[in-house]
Amino acid sequence: MTQNDRILSSFANKTWQEIKVKDSWQIFKIMSEFVDGFEKLAKIGPCVSIFGSARTPDEHEYYQMTVQIASLLAERGYGVISGGGPGIMEAANKGAYTAGGKSVGLNIELPHEQFHNKYIDRDKLLEFNYFFVRKVMFMKYSQGYIVMPGGFGTMDELFEAVTLIQTGKIARFPIVLVGSSYWSGLFDWIKGTMLSNKYISEEDLNLYRMVDTAEEAVEHIFRFYDKYLLKPNF
C-alpha cells in the first residue's frame, strides 16, 4: 500500500466513524420530534386532515372548495390539520381559522415551497425535519382524510393511509378524494390494472370515496361516525 493509499484509507475510516456517530445522535433529534408532536396533538381533540398541492393558487376552485370544507368541519366541532404550508394547506387552515375552529399545521422544512401559513393557531404549529415523523402525526391524530388534487407528496400521504388501513395497522377511518376529474384516471387504472391482476382485493376499493363538492366531502365524514355509532377517538 502506498503512502497515498494509507492516507485515503485513514480518511475513509475516519469519515465512516463520523457518519456512524452522527447517525447515533440523530436518533435523539427524531425522538424529540415524536415527543413534541405527541404532547401537543394529544390535547387538540378530534381532527380531520386535509391534503393537497402547495402550488394551488388562492383563486383556484380547489383552494376555494378547501376553505369551504374546512369551515364546515370546524362548524361541526372538528379541528383541521394541514401540512402547514401554502396552497391547499393554507386554504384548509384558513377555513378552520375563519370559522373559529382549531387550525393545526404540521410544517416541514424544505429547500423550496414550504413556509408556514398565517392561518395556523400559534400554539398548534409544529415544525418537522423528517417526513416519516410528520406522517405518523397525521395518521395518529386524524379521524378522517380529505384529499384534494396534488402531486407526489399528496399521493404519498394518500397511499400511506390506504396501506395502513388495508393491512390493519390502524383502525379504519374515512378517506375522501375531492375532484373526480382529477382522480378518476388514477383509480380507473387501479381497478383496471391492480385489481384485474389481483394485486388488491375488490373490498379494497371501498377504502375511499370520491366526491365533487364540499358538502359531499364533509357529509361522508359525518355519516361514517354516525353509521358505526362511533365518536372520534378523543
C-alpha atoms as a PDB file:
ATOM      1  CA  MET A   1       0.000   0.000   0.000  1.00  0.00           C
ATOM      2  CA  THR A   2       1.398   3.384  -0.990  1.00  0.00           C
ATOM      3  CA  GLN A   3       1.519   6.398   1.300  1.00  0.00           C
ATOM      4  CA  ASN A   4      -1.389   7.938  -0.625  1.00  0.00           C
ATOM      5  CA  ASP A   5      -3.424   4.749  -0.221  1.00  0.00           C
ATOM      6  CA  ARG A   6      -2.811   4.743   3.531  1.00  0.00           C
ATOM      7  CA  ILE A   7      -3.883   8.394   3.768  1.00  0.00           C
ATOM      8  CA  LEU A   8      -7.052   7.743   1.756  1.00  0.00           C
ATOM      9  CA  SER A   9      -7.841   4.642   3.811  1.00  0.00           C
ATOM     10  CA  SER A  10      -7.378   6.567   7.065  1.00  0.00           C
ATOM     11  CA  PHE A  11      -9.618   9.368   5.770  1.00  0.00           C
ATOM     12  CA  ALA A  12     -12.303   6.907   4.688  1.00  0.00           C
ATOM     13  CA  ASN A  13     -12.304   5.157   8.066  1.00  0.00           C
ATOM     14  CA  LYS A  14     -12.464   8.466   9.903  1.00  0.00           C
ATOM     15  CA  THR A  15     -15.328   9.662   7.718  1.00  0.00           C
ATOM     16  CA  TRP A  16     -17.231   6.411   8.282  1.00  0.00           C
ATOM     17  CA  GLN A  17     -16.805   6.722  12.033  1.00  0.00           C
ATOM     18  CA  GLU A  18     -18.066  10.306  11.908  1.00  0.00           C
ATOM     19  CA  ILE A  19     -21.102   9.189   9.915  1.00  0.00           C
ATOM     20  CA  LYS A  20     -21.917   6.487  12.472  1.00  0.00           C
ATOM     21  CA  VAL A  21     -21.624   8.944  15.342  1.00  0.00           C
ATOM     22  CA  LYS A  22     -23.837  11.435  13.504  1.00  0.00           C
ATOM     23  CA  ASP A  23     -26.445   8.727  12.837  1.00  0.00           C
ATOM     24  CA  SER A  24     -26.494   7.769  16.514  1.00  0.00           C
ATOM     25  CA  TRP A  25     -27.081  11.334  17.662  1.00  0.00           C
ATOM     26  CA  GLN A  26     -29.761  11.751  15.008  1.00  0.00           C
ATOM     27  CA  ILE A  27     -31.907   9.318  16.986  1.00  0.00           C
ATOM     28  CA  PHE A  28     -32.348  11.926  19.707  1.00  0.00           C
ATOM     29  CA  LYS A  29     -33.431  14.549  17.189  1.00  0.00           C
ATOM     30  CA  ILE A  30     -36.020  12.127  15.801  1.00  0.00           C
ATOM     31  CA  MET A  31     -37.209  11.267  19.303  1.00  0.00           C
ATOM     32  CA  SER A  32     -37.616  14.946  20.172  1.00  0.00           C
ATOM     33  CA  GLU A  33     -39.896  15.455  17.161  1.00  0.00           C
ATOM     34  CA  PHE A  34     -42.051  12.494  18.204  1.00  0.00           C
ATOM     35  CA  VAL A  35     -42.282  13.671  21.808  1.00  0.00           C
ATOM     36  CA  ASP A  36     -43.141  17.252  20.849  1.00  0.00           C
ATOM     37  CA  GLY A  37     -45.768  16.072  18.365  1.00  0.00           C
ATOM     38  CA  PHE A  38     -47.404  13.611  20.750  1.00  0.00           C
ATOM     39  CA  GLU A  39     -47.553  16.128  23.593  1.00  0.00           C
ATOM     40  CA  LYS A  40     -49.117  18.907  21.526  1.00  0.00           C
ATOM     41  CA  LEU A  41     -51.509  16.912  19.368  1.00  0.00           C
ATOM     42  CA  ALA A  42     -52.877  14.732  22.153  1.00  0.00           C
ATOM     43  CA  LYS A  43     -54.527  17.852  23.612  1.00  0.00           C
ATOM     44  CA  ILE A  44     -56.241  19.037  20.458  1.00  0.00           C
ATOM     45  CA  GLY A  45     -59.256  16.742  20.126  1.00  0.00           C
ATOM     46  CA  PRO A  46     -60.967  15.255  17.049  1.00  0.00           C
ATOM     47  CA  CYS A  47     -59.455  16.458  13.774  1.00  0.00           C
ATOM     48  CA  VAL A  48     -59.639  15.842  10.051  1.00  0.00           C
ATOM     49  CA  SER A  49     -56.534  16.142   7.902  1.00  0.00           C
ATOM     50  CA  ILE A  50     -56.762  17.894   4.549  1.00  0.00           C
ATOM     51  CA  PHE A  51     -54.096  17.250   1.921  1.00  0.00           C
ATOM     52  CA  GLY A  52     -53.355  18.787  -1.456  1.00  0.00           C
ATOM     53  CA  SER A  53     -50.878  20.708  -3.529  1.00  0.00           C
ATOM     54  CA  ALA A  54     -48.762  23.505  -2.110  1.00  0.00           C
ATOM     55  CA  ARG A  55     -48.859  25.043  -5.595  1.00  0.00           C
ATOM     56  CA  THR A  56     -52.606  25.689  -5.806  1.00  0.00           C
ATOM     57  CA  PRO A  57     -53.228  29.469  -6.108  1.00  0.00           C
ATOM     58  CA  ASP A  58     -55.844  31.112  -3.911  1.00  0.00           C
ATOM     59  CA  GLU A  59     -58.073  31.970  -6.857  1.00  0.00           C
ATOM     60  CA  HIS A  60     -58.334  28.301  -7.919  1.00  0.00           C
ATOM     61  CA  GLU A  61     -61.635  26.467  -7.409  1.00  0.00           C
ATOM     62  CA  TYR A  62     -59.921  23.767  -5.357  1.00  0.00           C
ATOM     63  CA  TYR A  63     -58.494  26.377  -2.988  1.00  0.00           C
ATOM     64  CA  GLN A  64     -61.942  27.917  -2.503  1.00  0.00           C
ATOM     65  CA  MET A  65     -63.533  24.499  -2.062  1.00  0.00           C
ATOM     66  CA  THR A  66     -60.944  23.580   0.570  1.00  0.00           C
ATOM     67  CA  VAL A  67     -61.742  26.733   2.546  1.00  0.00           C
ATOM     68  CA  GLN A  68     -65.415  25.729   2.475  1.00  0.00           C
ATOM     69  CA  ILE A  69     -64.686  22.132   3.530  1.00  0.00           C
ATOM     70  CA  ALA A  70     -62.560  23.253   6.476  1.00  0.00           C
ATOM     71  CA  SER A  71     -65.208  25.753   7.562  1.00  0.00           C
ATOM     72  CA  LEU A  72     -67.928  23.096   7.523  1.00  0.00           C
ATOM     73  CA  LEU A  73     -65.747  20.749   9.576  1.00  0.00           C
ATOM     74  CA  ALA A  74     -64.962  23.478  12.101  1.00  0.00           C
ATOM     75  CA  GLU A  75     -68.654  24.298  12.473  1.00  0.00           C
ATOM     76  CA  ARG A  76     -69.261  20.666  13.467  1.00  0.00           C
ATOM     77  CA  GLY A  77     -66.516  20.747  16.098  1.00  0.00           C
ATOM     78  CA  TYR A  78     -63.676  19.140  14.196  1.00  0.00           C
ATOM     79  CA  GLY A  79     -60.222  20.647  14.175  1.00  0.00           C
ATOM     80  CA  VAL A  80     -58.410  20.760  10.848  1.00  0.00           C
ATOM     81  CA  ILE A  81     -54.856  19.529  10.329  1.00  0.00           C
ATOM     82  CA  SER A  82     -52.845  20.558   7.288  1.00  0.00           C
ATOM     83  CA  GLY A  83     -49.236  20.322   6.233  1.00  0.00           C
ATOM     84  CA  GLY A  84     -48.871  23.919   7.363  1.00  0.00           C
ATOM     85  CA  GLY A  85     -47.668  25.397   4.098  1.00  0.00           C
ATOM     86  CA  PRO A  86     -49.181  27.353   1.183  1.00  0.00           C
ATOM     87  CA  GLY A  87     -51.752  26.322  -1.420  1.00  0.00           C
ATOM     88  CA  ILE A  88     -54.337  23.759  -0.318  1.00  0.00           C
ATOM     89  CA  MET A  89     -52.698  23.613   3.115  1.00  0.00           C
ATOM     90  CA  GLU A  90     -53.242  27.333   3.596  1.00  0.00           C
ATOM     91  CA  ALA A  91     -56.835  27.018   2.399  1.00  0.00           C
ATOM     92  CA  ALA A  92     -57.503  24.293   4.963  1.00  0.00           C
ATOM     93  CA  ASN A  93     -56.113  26.369   7.817  1.00  0.00           C
ATOM     94  CA  LYS A  94     -57.900  29.480   6.561  1.00  0.00           C
ATOM     95  CA  GLY A  95     -61.283  27.756   6.541  1.00  0.00           C
ATOM     96  CA  ALA A  96     -60.835  26.414  10.067  1.00  0.00           C
ATOM     97  CA  TYR A  97     -59.405  29.657  11.420  1.00  0.00           C
ATOM     98  CA  THR A  98     -62.088  31.943   9.996  1.00  0.00           C
ATOM     99  CA  ALA A  99     -64.844  29.598  11.242  1.00  0.00           C
ATOM    100  CA  GLY A 100     -63.437  29.733  14.763  1.00  0.00           C
ATOM    101  CA  GLY A 101     -62.198  26.129  14.751  1.00  0.00           C
ATOM    102  CA  LYS A 102     -58.900  24.601  15.720  1.00  0.00           C
ATOM    103  CA  SER A 103     -56.316  25.153  12.994  1.00  0.00           C
ATOM    104  CA  VAL A 104     -53.288  22.849  13.145  1.00  0.00           C
ATOM    105  CA  GLY A 105     -50.201  22.994  10.912  1.00  0.00           C
ATOM    106  CA  LEU A 106     -47.571  20.261  10.635  1.00  0.00           C
ATOM    107  CA  ASN A 107     -44.928  22.141   8.721  1.00  0.00           C
ATOM    108  CA  ILE A 108     -41.803  20.577   7.217  1.00  0.00           C
ATOM    109  CA  GLU A 109     -38.501  22.236   6.436  1.00  0.00           C
ATOM    110  CA  LEU A 110     -37.815  22.080   2.681  1.00  0.00           C
ATOM    111  CA  PRO A 111     -35.337  23.894   0.423  1.00  0.00           C
ATOM    112  CA  HIS A 112     -38.241  25.449  -1.503  1.00  0.00           C
ATOM    113  CA  GLU A 113     -42.029  25.791  -1.449  1.00  0.00           C
ATOM    114  CA  GLN A 114     -42.643  25.238   2.230  1.00  0.00           C
ATOM    115  CA  PHE A 115     -43.219  28.067   4.688  1.00  0.00           C
ATOM    116  CA  HIS A 116     -45.950  28.027   7.289  1.00  0.00           C
ATOM    117  CA  ASN A 117     -49.104  29.989   6.527  1.00  0.00           C
ATOM    118  CA  LYS A 118     -50.623  32.693   8.718  1.00  0.00           C
ATOM    119  CA  TYR A 119     -53.875  30.876   9.498  1.00  0.00           C
ATOM    120  CA  ILE A 120     -52.410  28.310  11.893  1.00  0.00           C
ATOM    121  CA  ASP A 121     -53.177  28.754  15.584  1.00  0.00           C
ATOM    122  CA  ARG A 122     -49.971  29.924  17.220  1.00  0.00           C
ATOM    123  CA  ASP A 123     -49.972  27.095  19.770  1.00  0.00           C
ATOM    124  CA  LYS A 124     -50.772  24.460  17.125  1.00  0.00           C
ATOM    125  CA  LEU A 125     -47.853  24.920  14.740  1.00  0.00           C
ATOM    126  CA  LEU A 126     -45.319  22.099  14.722  1.00  0.00           C
ATOM    127  CA  GLU A 127     -42.110  22.127  12.696  1.00  0.00           C
ATOM    128  CA  PHE A 128     -40.585  18.869  11.408  1.00  0.00           C
ATOM    129  CA  ASN A 129     -37.346  17.850   9.755  1.00  0.00           C
ATOM    130  CA  TYR A 130     -38.456  14.317   8.952  1.00  0.00           C
ATOM    131  CA  PHE A 131     -41.306  13.350   6.658  1.00  0.00           C
ATOM    132  CA  PHE A 132     -41.834  10.000   8.365  1.00  0.00           C
ATOM    133  CA  VAL A 133     -42.328  11.602  11.794  1.00  0.00           C
ATOM    134  CA  ARG A 134     -44.758  14.093  10.302  1.00  0.00           C
ATOM    135  CA  LYS A 135     -46.760  11.320   8.633  1.00  0.00           C
ATOM    136  CA  VAL A 136     -47.070   9.463  11.933  1.00  0.00           C
ATOM    137  CA  MET A 137     -48.698  12.571  13.395  1.00  0.00           C
ATOM    138  CA  PHE A 138     -51.193  12.755  10.532  1.00  0.00           C
ATOM    139  CA  MET A 139     -52.115   9.080  10.943  1.00  0.00           C
ATOM    140  CA  LYS A 140     -52.293   9.027  14.725  1.00  0.00           C
ATOM    141  CA  TYR A 141     -54.310  12.184  15.302  1.00  0.00           C
ATOM    142  CA  SER A 142     -56.732  12.285  12.353  1.00  0.00           C
ATOM    143  CA  GLN A 143     -60.277  10.934  12.365  1.00  0.00           C
ATOM    144  CA  GLY A 144     -60.570  11.349   8.624  1.00  0.00           C
ATOM    145  CA  TYR A 145     -58.685  12.342   5.483  1.00  0.00           C
ATOM    146  CA  ILE A 146     -59.867  14.707   2.802  1.00  0.00           C
ATOM    147  CA  VAL A 147     -57.547  14.613  -0.185  1.00  0.00           C
ATOM    148  CA  MET A 148     -57.581  17.422  -2.703  1.00  0.00           C
ATOM    149  CA  PRO A 149     -55.663  17.275  -6.018  1.00  0.00           C
ATOM    150  CA  GLY A 150     -51.914  17.352  -5.513  1.00  0.00           C
ATOM    151  CA  GLY A 151     -48.541  15.975  -6.503  1.00  0.00           C
ATOM    152  CA  PHE A 152     -46.139  13.335  -5.239  1.00  0.00           C
ATOM    153  CA  GLY A 153     -46.423  14.416  -1.597  1.00  0.00           C
ATOM    154  CA  THR A 154     -50.208  14.170  -1.695  1.00  0.00           C
ATOM    155  CA  MET A 155     -50.007  10.714  -3.288  1.00  0.00           C
ATOM    156  CA  ASP A 156     -47.538   9.613  -0.637  1.00  0.00           C
ATOM    157  CA  GLU A 157     -49.873  10.664   2.170  1.00  0.00           C
ATOM    158  CA  LEU A 158     -52.930   9.137   0.485  1.00  0.00           C
ATOM    159  CA  PHE A 159     -51.378   5.736  -0.160  1.00  0.00           C
ATOM    160  CA  GLU A 160     -49.767   5.644   3.277  1.00  0.00           C
ATOM    161  CA  ALA A 161     -53.240   5.913   4.809  1.00  0.00           C
ATOM    162  CA  VAL A 162     -54.808   3.377   2.425  1.00  0.00           C
ATOM    163  CA  THR A 163     -51.998   0.885   3.026  1.00  0.00           C
ATOM    164  CA  LEU A 164     -52.141   1.154   6.822  1.00  0.00           C
ATOM    165  CA  ILE A 165     -55.908   0.637   6.821  1.00  0.00           C
ATOM    166  CA  GLN A 166     -55.724  -2.200   4.272  1.00  0.00           C
ATOM    167  CA  THR A 167     -53.123  -4.053   6.333  1.00  0.00           C
ATOM    168  CA  GLY A 168     -54.912  -3.458   9.639  1.00  0.00           C
ATOM    169  CA  LYS A 169     -52.102  -1.415  11.136  1.00  0.00           C
ATOM    170  CA  ILE A 170     -54.516   1.380  12.009  1.00  0.00           C
ATOM    171  CA  ALA A 171     -58.272   1.436  12.531  1.00  0.00           C
ATOM    172  CA  ARG A 172     -60.388   2.285   9.547  1.00  0.00           C
ATOM    173  CA  PHE A 173     -61.361   5.920   9.070  1.00  0.00           C
ATOM    174  CA  PRO A 174     -62.972   7.771   6.145  1.00  0.00           C
ATOM    175  CA  ILE A 175     -60.805   8.824   3.193  1.00  0.00           C
ATOM    176  CA  VAL A 176     -62.436  11.264   0.779  1.00  0.00           C
ATOM    177  CA  LEU A 177     -60.975  12.226  -2.603  1.00  0.00           C
ATOM    178  CA  VAL A 178     -62.303  15.526  -3.914  1.00  0.00           C
ATOM    179  CA  GLY A 179     -62.434  16.159  -7.675  1.00  0.00           C
ATOM    180  CA  SER A 180     -63.425  13.169  -9.788  1.00  0.00           C
ATOM    181  CA  SER A 181     -61.989  14.767 -12.939  1.00  0.00           C
ATOM    182  CA  TYR A 182     -58.582  14.724 -11.257  1.00  0.00           C
ATOM    183  CA  TRP A 183     -58.710  11.338  -9.518  1.00  0.00           C
ATOM    184  CA  SER A 184     -60.723   9.184 -11.934  1.00  0.00           C
ATOM    185  CA  GLY A 185     -57.812   8.304 -14.235  1.00  0.00           C
ATOM    186  CA  LEU A 186     -55.671   7.053 -11.362  1.00  0.00           C
ATOM    187  CA  PHE A 187     -58.424   4.950  -9.832  1.00  0.00           C
ATOM    188  CA  ASP A 188     -59.576   3.607 -13.196  1.00  0.00           C
ATOM    189  CA  TRP A 189     -56.012   2.308 -13.546  1.00  0.00           C
ATOM    190  CA  ILE A 190     -56.113   0.839 -10.038  1.00  0.00           C
ATOM    191  CA  LYS A 191     -59.321  -1.013 -10.888  1.00  0.00           C
ATOM    192  CA  GLY A 192     -58.274  -1.963 -14.422  1.00  0.00           C
ATOM    193  CA  THR A 193     -54.712  -2.998 -13.645  1.00  0.00           C
ATOM    194  CA  MET A 194     -54.127  -3.632  -9.928  1.00  0.00           C
ATOM    195  CA  LEU A 195     -57.471  -5.299  -9.326  1.00  0.00           C
ATOM    196  CA  SER A 196     -57.521  -7.258 -12.574  1.00  0.00           C
ATOM    197  CA  ASN A 197     -54.086  -8.655 -11.725  1.00  0.00           C
ATOM    198  CA  LYS A 198     -55.351  -9.498  -8.207  1.00  0.00           C
ATOM    199  CA  TYR A 199     -52.752  -7.301  -6.503  1.00  0.00           C
ATOM    200  CA  ILE A 200     -55.578  -5.821  -4.460  1.00  0.00           C
ATOM    201  CA  SER A 201     -58.997  -7.153  -3.443  1.00  0.00           C
ATOM    202  CA  GLU A 202     -62.415  -5.930  -4.513  1.00  0.00           C
ATOM    203  CA  GLU A 203     -63.121  -4.734  -0.968  1.00  0.00           C
ATOM    204  CA  ASP A 204     -60.039  -2.513  -1.048  1.00  0.00           C
ATOM    205  CA  LEU A 205     -61.926  -0.246  -3.436  1.00  0.00           C
ATOM    206  CA  ASN A 206     -64.231   0.607  -0.519  1.00  0.00           C
ATOM    207  CA  LEU A 207     -61.419   2.208   1.467  1.00  0.00           C
ATOM    208  CA  TYR A 208     -62.040   5.586  -0.166  1.00  0.00           C
ATOM    209  CA  ARG A 209     -64.878   7.700  -1.516  1.00  0.00           C
ATOM    210  CA  MET A 210     -64.690  10.076  -4.484  1.00  0.00           C
ATOM    211  CA  VAL A 211     -66.820  13.253  -4.439  1.00  0.00           C
ATOM    212  CA  ASP A 212     -67.110  16.587  -6.210  1.00  0.00           C
ATOM    213  CA  THR A 213     -68.486  19.054  -3.675  1.00  0.00           C
ATOM    214  CA  ALA A 214     -67.530  20.371  -0.263  1.00  0.00           C
ATOM    215  CA  GLU A 215     -70.845  19.229   1.187  1.00  0.00           C
ATOM    216  CA  GLU A 216     -70.368  15.665  -0.053  1.00  0.00           C
ATOM    217  CA  ALA A 217     -66.850  15.548   1.375  1.00  0.00           C
ATOM    218  CA  VAL A 218     -67.787  16.518   4.918  1.00  0.00           C
ATOM    219  CA  GLU A 219     -71.042  14.562   4.876  1.00  0.00           C
ATOM    220  CA  HIS A 220     -69.101  11.360   4.239  1.00  0.00           C
ATOM    221  CA  ILE A 221     -67.011  12.049   7.344  1.00  0.00           C
ATOM    222  CA  PHE A 222     -70.113  12.723   9.462  1.00  0.00           C
ATOM    223  CA  ARG A 223     -72.036   9.695   8.130  1.00  0.00           C
ATOM    224  CA  PHE A 224     -69.107   7.393   8.790  1.00  0.00           C
ATOM    225  CA  TYR A 225     -69.178   8.070  12.527  1.00  0.00           C
ATOM    226  CA  ASP A 226     -72.979   8.098  12.702  1.00  0.00           C
ATOM    227  CA  LYS A 227     -73.219   4.770  10.850  1.00  0.00           C
ATOM    228  CA  TYR A 228     -70.882   2.915  13.153  1.00  0.00           C
ATOM    229  CA  LEU A 229     -72.177   4.689  16.267  1.00  0.00           C
ATOM    230  CA  LEU A 230     -68.662   5.853  16.901  1.00  0.00           C
ATOM    231  CA  LYS A 231     -67.290   9.084  18.140  1.00  0.00           C
ATOM    232  CA  PRO A 232     -63.934  10.473  17.035  1.00  0.00           C
ATOM    233  CA  ASN A 233     -61.352   8.757  19.215  1.00  0.00           C
ATOM    234  CA  PHE A 234     -60.724  11.518  21.755  1.00  0.00           C
END
